[in-house]
Amino acid sequence: MKTNAKSLLLIGALLLPVASFAADGDNIETKLSDSVVTTKVKAAFAKDKLVSATDIKVETDSDGLVQLSGTAKSKKEADHAVTLAKSIKGVTAVKNDIVVAE
């Protein structure tokens, strides 16, 4: 009996973040899809030798719009980050707010 109560508490605790996603207005599938797109873009940055995955931030909205921000070492790096982001399935547009360091 105590095991069942512990299991229910654990399941409830694990589902709490999912419930908070739904409370933000978008459904759970949309939130998960946004985070998958963000993760794919970040992974592409991490694999690439020209783009700094730690200095460029990635956010995705529910329509597939990816916003890039942060700092790039050169315009070439910033432009390449935009090109990589656009190549990811699920990305509908890219907003480039990357600042080029001087």
PDB file of N, CA and C in Angstrom:
ATOM      1  N   MET A   1       0.824  -1.187   0.000  1.00  0.00           N
ATOM      2  CA  MET A   1       0.000   0.000   0.000  1.00  0.00           C
ATOM      3  C   MET A   1       0.870   1.254   0.000  1.00  0.00           C
ATOM      4  N   LYS A   2       1.953   1.263   0.823  1.00  0.00           N
ATOM      5  CA  LYS A   2       2.831   2.419   0.881  1.00  0.00           C
ATOM      6  C   LYS A   2       3.558   2.612  -0.450  1.00  0.00           C
ATOM      7  N   THR A   3       3.858   1.509  -1.121  1.00  0.00           N
ATOM      8  CA  THR A   3       4.530   1.585  -2.408  1.00  0.00           C
ATOM      9  C   THR A   3       3.635   2.281  -3.433  1.00  0.00           C
ATOM     10  N   ASN A   4       2.344   1.981  -3.417  1.00  0.00           N
ATOM     11  CA  ASN A   4       1.409   2.615  -4.345  1.00  0.00           C
ATOM     12  C   ASN A   4       1.330   4.118  -4.096  1.00  0.00           C
ATOM     13  N   ALA A   5       1.307   4.522  -2.840  1.00  0.00           N
ATOM     14  CA  ALA A   5       1.241   5.939  -2.503  1.00  0.00           C
ATOM     15  C   ALA A   5       2.514   6.654  -2.963  1.00  0.00           C
ATOM     16  N   LYS A   6       3.662   6.026  -2.761  1.00  0.00           N
ATOM     17  CA  LYS A   6       4.929   6.614  -3.213  1.00  0.00           C
ATOM     18  C   LYS A   6       4.956   6.720  -4.730  1.00  0.00           C
ATOM     19  N   SER A   7       4.453   5.695  -5.391  1.00  0.00           N
ATOM     20  CA  SER A   7       4.419   5.714  -6.853  1.00  0.00           C
ATOM     21  C   SER A   7       3.525   6.835  -7.362  1.00  0.00           C
ATOM     22  N   LEU A   8       2.370   7.017  -6.742  1.00  0.00           N
ATOM     23  CA  LEU A   8       1.457   8.081  -7.148  1.00  0.00           C
ATOM     24  C   LEU A   8       2.073   9.462  -6.915  1.00  0.00           C
ATOM     25  N   LEU A   9       2.756   9.624  -5.801  1.00  0.00           N
ATOM     26  CA  LEU A   9       3.419  10.900  -5.531  1.00  0.00           C
ATOM     27  C   LEU A   9       4.520  11.179  -6.552  1.00  0.00           C
ATOM     28  N   LEU A  10       5.276  10.154  -6.885  1.00  0.00           N
ATOM     29  CA  LEU A  10       6.341  10.311  -7.870  1.00  0.00           C
ATOM     30  C   LEU A  10       5.775  10.668  -9.241  1.00  0.00           C
ATOM     31  N   ILE A  11       4.730   9.975  -9.651  1.00  0.00           N
ATOM     32  CA  ILE A  11       4.103  10.266 -10.947  1.00  0.00           C
ATOM     33  C   ILE A  11       3.541  11.677 -10.952  1.00  0.00           C
ATOM     34  N   GLY A  12       2.903  12.071  -9.860  1.00  0.00           N
ATOM     35  CA  GLY A  12       2.362  13.428  -9.758  1.00  0.00           C
ATOM     36  C   GLY A  12       3.456  14.480  -9.859  1.00  0.00           C
ATOM     37  N   ALA A  13       4.571  14.239  -9.198  1.00  0.00           N
ATOM     38  CA  ALA A  13       5.687  15.185  -9.236  1.00  0.00           C
ATOM     39  C   ALA A  13       6.279  15.282 -10.643  1.00  0.00           C
ATOM     40  N   LEU A  14       6.336  14.169 -11.348  1.00  0.00           N
ATOM     41  CA  LEU A  14       6.875  14.183 -12.702  1.00  0.00           C
ATOM     42  C   LEU A  14       5.933  14.853 -13.702  1.00  0.00           C
ATOM     43  N   LEU A  15       4.645  14.782 -13.452  1.00  0.00           N
ATOM     44  CA  LEU A  15       3.678  15.382 -14.364  1.00  0.00           C
ATOM     45  C   LEU A  15       3.451  16.872 -14.099  1.00  0.00           C
ATOM     46  N   LEU A  16       3.866  17.374 -12.964  1.00  0.00           N
ATOM     47  CA  LEU A  16       3.653  18.775 -12.619  1.00  0.00           C
ATOM     48  C   LEU A  16       4.257  19.721 -13.650  1.00  0.00           C
ATOM     49  N   PRO A  17       5.507  19.534 -14.100  1.00  0.00           N
ATOM     50  CA  PRO A  17       6.038  20.437 -15.131  1.00  0.00           C
ATOM     51  C   PRO A  17       5.245  20.381 -16.430  1.00  0.00           C
ATOM     52  N   VAL A  18       4.730  19.218 -16.787  1.00  0.00           N
ATOM     53  CA  VAL A  18       3.930  19.083 -18.002  1.00  0.00           C
ATOM     54  C   VAL A  18       2.647  19.892 -17.871  1.00  0.00           C
ATOM     55  N   ALA A  19       2.050  19.870 -16.701  1.00  0.00           N
ATOM     56  CA  ALA A  19       0.838  20.649 -16.464  1.00  0.00           C
ATOM     57  C   ALA A  19       1.123  22.137 -16.553  1.00  0.00           C
ATOM     58  N   SER A  20       2.274  22.574 -16.093  1.00  0.00           N
ATOM     59  CA  SER A  20       2.606  23.993 -16.171  1.00  0.00           C
ATOM     60  C   SER A  20       2.833  24.414 -17.614  1.00  0.00           C
ATOM     61  N   PHE A  21       3.350  23.511 -18.467  1.00  0.00           N
ATOM     62  CA  PHE A  21       3.469  23.830 -19.895  1.00  0.00           C
ATOM     63  C   PHE A  21       2.090  24.138 -20.468  1.00  0.00           C
ATOM     64  N   ALA A  22       1.135  23.301 -20.171  1.00  0.00           N
ATOM     65  CA  ALA A  22      -0.209  23.475 -20.705  1.00  0.00           C
ATOM     66  C   ALA A  22      -0.849  24.752 -20.180  1.00  0.00           C
ATOM     67  N   ALA A  23      -0.483  25.181 -18.998  1.00  0.00           N
ATOM     68  CA  ALA A  23      -1.058  26.386 -18.414  1.00  0.00           C
ATOM     69  C   ALA A  23      -0.596  27.652 -19.114  1.00  0.00           C
ATOM     70  N   ASP A  24       0.490  27.596 -19.874  1.00  0.00           N
ATOM     71  CA  ASP A  24       1.000  28.776 -20.572  1.00  0.00           C
ATOM     72  C   ASP A  24       0.203  29.122 -21.820  1.00  0.00           C
ATOM     73  N   GLY A  25      -0.760  28.344 -22.193  1.00  0.00           N
ATOM     74  CA  GLY A  25      -1.600  28.664 -23.337  1.00  0.00           C
ATOM     75  C   GLY A  25      -1.429  27.716 -24.510  1.00  0.00           C
ATOM     76  N   ASP A  26      -0.245  27.230 -24.753  1.00  0.00           N
ATOM     77  CA  ASP A  26      -0.018  26.276 -25.828  1.00  0.00           C
ATOM     78  C   ASP A  26      -0.234  24.872 -25.288  1.00  0.00           C
ATOM     79  N   ASN A  27      -0.624  23.963 -26.173  1.00  0.00           N
ATOM     80  CA  ASN A  27      -0.802  22.591 -25.706  1.00  0.00           C
ATOM     81  C   ASN A  27       0.556  21.918 -25.526  1.00  0.00           C
ATOM     82  N   ILE A  28       0.561  20.787 -24.894  1.00  0.00           N
ATOM     83  CA  ILE A  28       1.793  20.089 -24.548  1.00  0.00           C
ATOM     84  C   ILE A  28       2.567  19.684 -25.799  1.00  0.00           C
ATOM     85  N   GLU A  29       1.855  19.225 -26.834  1.00  0.00           N
ATOM     86  CA  GLU A  29       2.535  18.807 -28.050  1.00  0.00           C
ATOM     87  C   GLU A  29       3.294  19.977 -28.678  1.00  0.00           C
ATOM     88  N   THR A  30       2.691  21.170 -28.647  1.00  0.00           N
ATOM     89  CA  THR A  30       3.347  22.353 -29.210  1.00  0.00           C
ATOM     90  C   THR A  30       4.594  22.696 -28.417  1.00  0.00           C
ATOM     91  N   LYS A  31       4.499  22.674 -27.092  1.00  0.00           N
ATOM     92  CA  LYS A  31       5.658  22.983 -26.250  1.00  0.00           C
ATOM     93  C   LYS A  31       6.785  21.993 -26.496  1.00  0.00           C
ATOM     94  N   LEU A  32       6.441  20.714 -26.588  1.00  0.00           N
ATOM     95  CA  LEU A  32       7.461  19.700 -26.831  1.00  0.00           C
ATOM     96  C   LEU A  32       8.080  19.880 -28.209  1.00  0.00           C
ATOM     97  N   SER A  33       7.254  20.215 -29.197  1.00  0.00           N
ATOM     98  CA  SER A  33       7.753  20.434 -30.545  1.00  0.00           C
ATOM     99  C   SER A  33       8.711  21.620 -30.573  1.00  0.00           C
ATOM    100  N   ASP A  34       8.377  22.707 -29.856  1.00  0.00           N
ATOM    101  CA  ASP A  34       9.252  23.878 -29.788  1.00  0.00           C
ATOM    102  C   ASP A  34      10.602  23.508 -29.199  1.00  0.00           C
ATOM    103  N   SER A  35      10.582  22.744 -28.123  1.00  0.00           N
ATOM    104  CA  SER A  35      11.837  22.380 -27.476  1.00  0.00           C
ATOM    105  C   SER A  35      12.649  21.412 -28.340  1.00  0.00           C
ATOM    106  N   VAL A  36      11.982  20.589 -29.133  1.00  0.00           N
ATOM    107  CA  VAL A  36      12.691  19.687 -30.046  1.00  0.00           C
ATOM    108  C   VAL A  36      13.399  20.501 -31.125  1.00  0.00           C
ATOM    109  N   VAL A  37      12.720  21.499 -31.680  1.00  0.00           N
ATOM    110  CA  VAL A  37      13.335  22.354 -32.698  1.00  0.00           C
ATOM    111  C   VAL A  37      14.535  23.083 -32.099  1.00  0.00           C
ATOM    112  N   THR A  38      14.357  23.655 -30.908  1.00  0.00           N
ATOM    113  CA  THR A  38      15.459  24.357 -30.239  1.00  0.00           C
ATOM    114  C   THR A  38      16.642  23.429 -30.038  1.00  0.00           C
ATOM    115  N   THR A  39      16.378  22.219 -29.577  1.00  0.00           N
ATOM    116  CA  THR A  39      17.440  21.243 -29.336  1.00  0.00           C
ATOM    117  C   THR A  39      18.159  20.872 -30.635  1.00  0.00           C
ATOM    118  N   LYS A  40      17.401  20.712 -31.719  1.00  0.00           N
ATOM    119  CA  LYS A  40      18.018  20.369 -33.005  1.00  0.00           C
ATOM    120  C   LYS A  40      18.922  21.501 -33.498  1.00  0.00           C
ATOM    121  N   VAL A  41      18.482  22.747 -33.328  1.00  0.00           N
ATOM    122  CA  VAL A  41      19.303  23.881 -33.747  1.00  0.00           C
ATOM    123  C   VAL A  41      20.575  23.941 -32.906  1.00  0.00           C
ATOM    124  N   LYS A  42      20.432  23.782 -31.589  1.00  0.00           N
ATOM    125  CA  LYS A  42      21.609  23.803 -30.715  1.00  0.00           C
ATOM    126  C   LYS A  42      22.573  22.662 -31.052  1.00  0.00           C
ATOM    127  N   ALA A  43      22.032  21.507 -31.388  1.00  0.00           N
ATOM    128  CA  ALA A  43      22.880  20.366 -31.754  1.00  0.00           C
ATOM    129  C   ALA A  43      23.637  20.655 -33.053  1.00  0.00           C
ATOM    130  N   ALA A  44      22.966  21.298 -33.997  1.00  0.00           N
ATOM    131  CA  ALA A  44      23.642  21.661 -35.249  1.00  0.00           C
ATOM    132  C   ALA A  44      24.772  22.649 -34.972  1.00  0.00           C
ATOM    133  N   PHE A  45      24.538  23.597 -34.058  1.00  0.00           N
ATOM    134  CA  PHE A  45      25.589  24.543 -33.686  1.00  0.00           C
ATOM    135  C   PHE A  45      26.762  23.805 -33.033  1.00  0.00           C
ATOM    136  N   ALA A  46      26.458  22.863 -32.162  1.00  0.00           N
ATOM    137  CA  ALA A  46      27.498  22.131 -31.433  1.00  0.00           C
ATOM    138  C   ALA A  46      28.373  21.306 -32.384  1.00  0.00           C
ATOM    139  N   LYS A  47      27.783  20.776 -33.449  1.00  0.00           N
ATOM    140  CA  LYS A  47      28.530  19.970 -34.420  1.00  0.00           C
ATOM    141  C   LYS A  47      29.375  20.824 -35.354  1.00  0.00           C
ATOM    142  N   ASP A  48      28.968  22.075 -35.525  1.00  0.00           N
ATOM    143  CA  ASP A  48      29.622  22.938 -36.489  1.00  0.00           C
ATOM    144  C   ASP A  48      30.872  23.586 -35.899  1.00  0.00           C
ATOM    145  N   LYS A  49      31.925  23.687 -36.697  1.00  0.00           N
ATOM    146  CA  LYS A  49      33.183  24.253 -36.211  1.00  0.00           C
ATOM    147  C   LYS A  49      33.206  25.774 -36.248  1.00  0.00           C
ATOM    148  N   LEU A  50      32.350  26.380 -37.058  1.00  0.00           N
ATOM    149  CA  LEU A  50      32.356  27.831 -37.205  1.00  0.00           C
ATOM    150  C   LEU A  50      31.481  28.538 -36.162  1.00  0.00           C
ATOM    151  N   VAL A  51      30.418  27.867 -35.711  1.00  0.00           N
ATOM    152  CA  VAL A  51      29.449  28.496 -34.810  1.00  0.00           C
ATOM    153  C   VAL A  51      29.723  28.102 -33.362  1.00  0.00           C
ATOM    154  N   SER A  52      29.719  29.102 -32.481  1.00  0.00           N
ATOM    155  CA  SER A  52      29.908  28.844 -31.053  1.00  0.00           C
ATOM    156  C   SER A  52      28.558  28.522 -30.418  1.00  0.00           C
ATOM    157  N   ALA A  53      28.386  27.274 -30.032  1.00  0.00           N
ATOM    158  CA  ALA A  53      27.116  26.843 -29.448  1.00  0.00           C
ATOM    159  C   ALA A  53      26.872  27.463 -28.080  1.00  0.00           C
ATOM    160  N   THR A  54      27.919  27.911 -27.406  1.00  0.00           N
ATOM    161  CA  THR A  54      27.745  28.477 -26.067  1.00  0.00           C
ATOM    162  C   THR A  54      27.453  29.965 -26.080  1.00  0.00           C
ATOM    163  N   ASP A  55      27.824  30.664 -27.157  1.00  0.00           N
ATOM    164  CA  ASP A  55      27.646  32.111 -27.196  1.00  0.00           C
ATOM    165  C   ASP A  55      26.381  32.559 -27.924  1.00  0.00           C
ATOM    166  N   ILE A  56      25.765  31.659 -28.672  1.00  0.00           N
ATOM    167  CA  ILE A  56      24.540  31.998 -29.405  1.00  0.00           C
ATOM    168  C   ILE A  56      23.366  31.268 -28.771  1.00  0.00           C
ATOM    169  N   LYS A  57      22.383  32.046 -28.343  1.00  0.00           N
ATOM    170  CA  LYS A  57      21.192  31.490 -27.686  1.00  0.00           C
ATOM    171  C   LYS A  57      20.102  31.233 -28.724  1.00  0.00           C
ATOM    172  N   VAL A  58      19.288  30.200 -28.462  1.00  0.00           N
ATOM    173  CA  VAL A  58      18.235  29.793 -29.389  1.00  0.00           C
ATOM    174  C   VAL A  58      16.913  29.710 -28.634  1.00  0.00           C
ATOM    175  N   GLU A  59      15.886  30.354 -29.176  1.00  0.00           N
ATOM    176  CA  GLU A  59      14.530  30.234 -28.639  1.00  0.00           C
ATOM    177  C   GLU A  59      13.590  29.970 -29.801  1.00  0.00           C
ATOM    178  N   THR A  60      12.578  29.135 -29.573  1.00  0.00           N
ATOM    179  CA  THR A  60      11.615  28.800 -30.620  1.00  0.00           C
ATOM    180  C   THR A  60      10.210  29.063 -30.116  1.00  0.00           C
ATOM    181  N   ASP A  61       9.379  29.733 -30.951  1.00  0.00           N
ATOM    182  CA  ASP A  61       7.993  29.947 -30.541  1.00  0.00           C
ATOM    183  C   ASP A  61       7.103  28.854 -31.139  1.00  0.00           C
ATOM    184  N   SER A  62       5.822  28.927 -30.856  1.00  0.00           N
ATOM    185  CA  SER A  62       4.898  27.867 -31.249  1.00  0.00           C
ATOM    186  C   SER A  62       4.657  27.807 -32.754  1.00  0.00           C
ATOM    187  N   ASP A  63       5.072  28.838 -33.495  1.00  0.00           N
ATOM    188  CA  ASP A  63       4.893  28.837 -34.940  1.00  0.00           C
ATOM    189  C   ASP A  63       6.145  28.387 -35.684  1.00  0.00           C
ATOM    190  N   GLY A  64       7.182  27.972 -34.955  1.00  0.00           N
ATOM    191  CA  GLY A  64       8.422  27.533 -35.586  1.00  0.00           C
ATOM    192  C   GLY A  64       9.397  28.657 -35.860  1.00  0.00           C
ATOM    193  N   LEU A  65       9.103  29.862 -35.339  1.00  0.00           N
ATOM    194  CA  LEU A  65      10.021  30.983 -35.489  1.00  0.00           C
ATOM    195  C   LEU A  65      11.157  30.825 -34.492  1.00  0.00           C
ATOM    196  N   VAL A  66      12.381  30.788 -34.995  1.00  0.00           N
ATOM    197  CA  VAL A  66      13.558  30.650 -34.148  1.00  0.00           C
ATOM    198  C   VAL A  66      14.201  32.019 -33.994  1.00  0.00           C
ATOM    199  N   GLN A  67      14.452  32.400 -32.747  1.00  0.00           N
ATOM    200  CA  GLN A  67      15.133  33.662 -32.474  1.00  0.00           C
ATOM    201  C   GLN A  67      16.541  33.351 -31.981  1.00  0.00           C
ATOM    202  N   LEU A  68      17.516  33.899 -32.681  1.00  0.00           N
ATOM    203  CA  LEU A  68      18.913  33.733 -32.303  1.00  0.00           C
ATOM    204  C   LEU A  68      19.401  35.024 -31.667  1.00  0.00           C
ATOM    205  N   SER A  69      20.086  34.898 -30.538  1.00  0.00           N
ATOM    206  CA  SER A  69      20.647  36.064 -29.862  1.00  0.00           C
ATOM    207  C   SER A  69      21.990  35.667 -29.269  1.00  0.00           C
ATOM    208  N   GLY A  70      22.666  36.635 -28.689  1.00  0.00           N
ATOM    209  CA  GLY A  70      23.975  36.364 -28.121  1.00  0.00           C
ATOM    210  C   GLY A  70      25.045  37.040 -28.947  1.00  0.00           C
ATOM    211  N   THR A  71      26.254  36.515 -28.867  1.00  0.00           N
ATOM    212  CA  THR A  71      27.401  37.153 -29.501  1.00  0.00           C
ATOM    213  C   THR A  71      28.112  36.193 -30.452  1.00  0.00           C
ATOM    214  N   ALA A  72      28.471  36.724 -31.616  1.00  0.00           N
ATOM    215  CA  ALA A  72      29.281  35.978 -32.585  1.00  0.00           C
ATOM    216  C   ALA A  72      30.618  36.687 -32.748  1.00  0.00           C
ATOM    217  N   LYS A  73      31.638  35.928 -33.109  1.00  0.00           N
ATOM    218  CA  LYS A  73      32.975  36.498 -33.290  1.00  0.00           C
ATOM    219  C   LYS A  73      33.090  37.273 -34.592  1.00  0.00           C
ATOM    220  N   SER A  74      32.226  36.932 -35.564  1.00  0.00           N
ATOM    221  CA  SER A  74      32.286  37.594 -36.869  1.00  0.00           C
ATOM    222  C   SER A  74      30.911  37.566 -37.523  1.00  0.00           C
ATOM    223  N   LYS A  75      30.761  38.399 -38.555  1.00  0.00           N
ATOM    224  CA  LYS A  75      29.503  38.391 -39.317  1.00  0.00           C
ATOM    225  C   LYS A  75      29.331  37.048 -40.010  1.00  0.00           C
ATOM    226  N   LYS A  76      30.441  36.472 -40.456  1.00  0.00           N
ATOM    227  CA  LYS A  76      30.394  35.163 -41.111  1.00  0.00           C
ATOM    228  C   LYS A  76      29.803  34.113 -40.167  1.00  0.00           C
ATOM    229  N   GLU A  77      30.221  34.130 -38.884  1.00  0.00           N
ATOM    230  CA  GLU A  77      29.676  33.181 -37.900  1.00  0.00           C
ATOM    231  C   GLU A  77      28.184  33.416 -37.696  1.00  0.00           C
ATOM    232  N   ALA A  78      27.778  34.680 -37.570  1.00  0.00           N
ATOM    233  CA  ALA A  78      26.362  35.006 -37.365  1.00  0.00           C
ATOM    234  C   ALA A  78      25.525  34.553 -38.560  1.00  0.00           C
ATOM    235  N   ASP A  79      25.993  34.835 -39.759  1.00  0.00           N
ATOM    236  CA  ASP A  79      25.269  34.425 -40.968  1.00  0.00           C
ATOM    237  C   ASP A  79      25.187  32.901 -41.082  1.00  0.00           C
ATOM    238  N   HIS A  80      26.260  32.229 -40.719  1.00  0.00           N
ATOM    239  CA  HIS A  80      26.274  30.761 -40.779  1.00  0.00           C
ATOM    240  C   HIS A  80      25.301  30.168 -39.757  1.00  0.00           C
ATOM    241  N   ALA A  81      25.195  30.793 -38.593  1.00  0.00           N
ATOM    242  CA  ALA A  81      24.237  30.332 -37.581  1.00  0.00           C
ATOM    243  C   ALA A  81      22.809  30.433 -38.111  1.00  0.00           C
ATOM    244  N   VAL A  82      22.505  31.508 -38.806  1.00  0.00           N
ATOM    245  CA  VAL A  82      21.174  31.680 -39.403  1.00  0.00           C
ATOM    246  C   VAL A  82      20.931  30.599 -40.459  1.00  0.00           C
ATOM    247  N   THR A  83      21.917  30.360 -41.295  1.00  0.00           N
ATOM    248  CA  THR A  83      21.796  29.332 -42.334  1.00  0.00           C
ATOM    249  C   THR A  83      21.565  27.953 -41.722  1.00  0.00           C
ATOM    250  N   LEU A  84      22.317  27.632 -40.682  1.00  0.00           N
ATOM    251  CA  LEU A  84      22.129  26.333 -40.004  1.00  0.00           C
ATOM    252  C   LEU A  84      20.724  26.227 -39.416  1.00  0.00           C
ATOM    253  N   ALA A  85      20.279  27.282 -38.746  1.00  0.00           N
ATOM    254  CA  ALA A  85      18.950  27.259 -38.116  1.00  0.00           C
ATOM    255  C   ALA A  85      17.861  27.063 -39.168  1.00  0.00           C
ATOM    256  N   LYS A  86      17.980  27.740 -40.293  1.00  0.00           N
ATOM    257  CA  LYS A  86      16.978  27.616 -41.358  1.00  0.00           C
ATOM    258  C   LYS A  86      16.936  26.214 -41.943  1.00  0.00           C
ATOM    259  N   SER A  87      18.018  25.477 -41.840  1.00  0.00           N
ATOM    260  CA  SER A  87      18.083  24.136 -42.432  1.00  0.00           C
ATOM    261  C   SER A  87      17.403  23.066 -41.574  1.00  0.00           C
ATOM    262  N   ILE A  88      17.002  23.420 -40.365  1.00  0.00           N
ATOM    263  CA  ILE A  88      16.409  22.449 -39.441  1.00  0.00           C
ATOM    264  C   ILE A  88      14.918  22.269 -39.733  1.00  0.00           C
ATOM    265  N   LYS A  89      14.486  21.027 -39.813  1.00  0.00           N
ATOM    266  CA  LYS A  89      13.075  20.714 -40.044  1.00  0.00           C
ATOM    267  C   LYS A  89      12.238  21.270 -38.881  1.00  0.00           C
ATOM    268  N   GLY A  90      11.166  21.966 -39.223  1.00  0.00           N
ATOM    269  CA  GLY A  90      10.285  22.551 -38.215  1.00  0.00           C
ATOM    270  C   GLY A  90      10.495  24.046 -38.041  1.00  0.00           C
ATOM    271  N   VAL A  91      11.611  24.564 -38.569  1.00  0.00           N
ATOM    272  CA  VAL A  91      11.877  26.000 -38.484  1.00  0.00           C
ATOM    273  C   VAL A  91      11.160  26.683 -39.638  1.00  0.00           C
ATOM    274  N   THR A  92      10.294  27.653 -39.313  1.00  0.00           N
ATOM    275  CA  THR A  92       9.552  28.371 -40.352  1.00  0.00           C
ATOM    276  C   THR A  92      10.237  29.680 -40.730  1.00  0.00           C
ATOM    277  N   ALA A  93      10.942  30.293 -39.768  1.00  0.00           N
ATOM    278  CA  ALA A  93      11.658  31.546 -40.016  1.00  0.00           C
ATOM    279  C   ALA A  93      12.699  31.718 -38.918  1.00  0.00           C
ATOM    280  N   VAL A  94      13.675  32.579 -39.190  1.00  0.00           N
ATOM    281  CA  VAL A  94      14.724  32.851 -38.210  1.00  0.00           C
ATOM    282  C   VAL A  94      14.833  34.355 -38.009  1.00  0.00           C
ATOM    283  N   LYS A  95      14.786  34.776 -36.764  1.00  0.00           N
ATOM    284  CA  LYS A  95      15.001  36.187 -36.399  1.00  0.00           C
ATOM    285  C   LYS A  95      16.419  36.289 -35.859  1.00  0.00           C
ATOM    286  N   ASN A  96      17.237  37.090 -36.513  1.00  0.00           N
ATOM    287  CA  ASN A  96      18.651  37.190 -36.153  1.00  0.00           C
ATOM    288  C   ASN A  96      18.873  38.412 -35.272  1.00  0.00           C
ATOM    289  N   ASP A  97      19.079  38.183 -33.982  1.00  0.00           N
ATOM    290  CA  ASP A  97      19.411  39.248 -33.030  1.00  0.00           C
ATOM    291  C   ASP A  97      20.841  39.064 -32.500  1.00  0.00           C
ATOM    292  N   ILE A  98      21.681  38.389 -33.279  1.00  0.00           N
ATOM    293  CA  ILE A  98      23.054  38.120 -32.868  1.00  0.00           C
ATOM    294  C   ILE A  98      23.865  39.402 -33.019  1.00  0.00           C
ATOM    295  N   VAL A  99      24.645  39.727 -31.992  1.00  0.00           N
ATOM    296  CA  VAL A  99      25.533  40.877 -32.015  1.00  0.00           C
ATOM    297  C   VAL A  99      26.925  40.385 -32.375  1.00  0.00           C
ATOM    298  N   VAL A 100      27.568  41.056 -33.319  1.00  0.00           N
ATOM    299  CA  VAL A 100      28.921  40.689 -33.717  1.00  0.00           C
ATOM    300  C   VAL A 100      29.918  41.447 -32.827  1.00  0.00           C
ATOM    301  N   ALA A 101      30.768  40.686 -32.147  1.00  0.00           N
ATOM    302  CA  ALA A 101      31.772  41.287 -31.265  1.00  0.00           C
ATOM    303  C   ALA A 101      32.810  42.018 -32.088  1.00  0.00           C
ATOM    304  N   GLU A 102      33.324  43.080 -31.517  1.00  0.00           N
ATOM    305  CA  GLU A 102      34.341  43.864 -32.241  1.00  0.00           C
ATOM    306  C   GLU A 102      35.727  43.555 -31.752  1.00  0.00           C
TER     307      GLU A 102
END
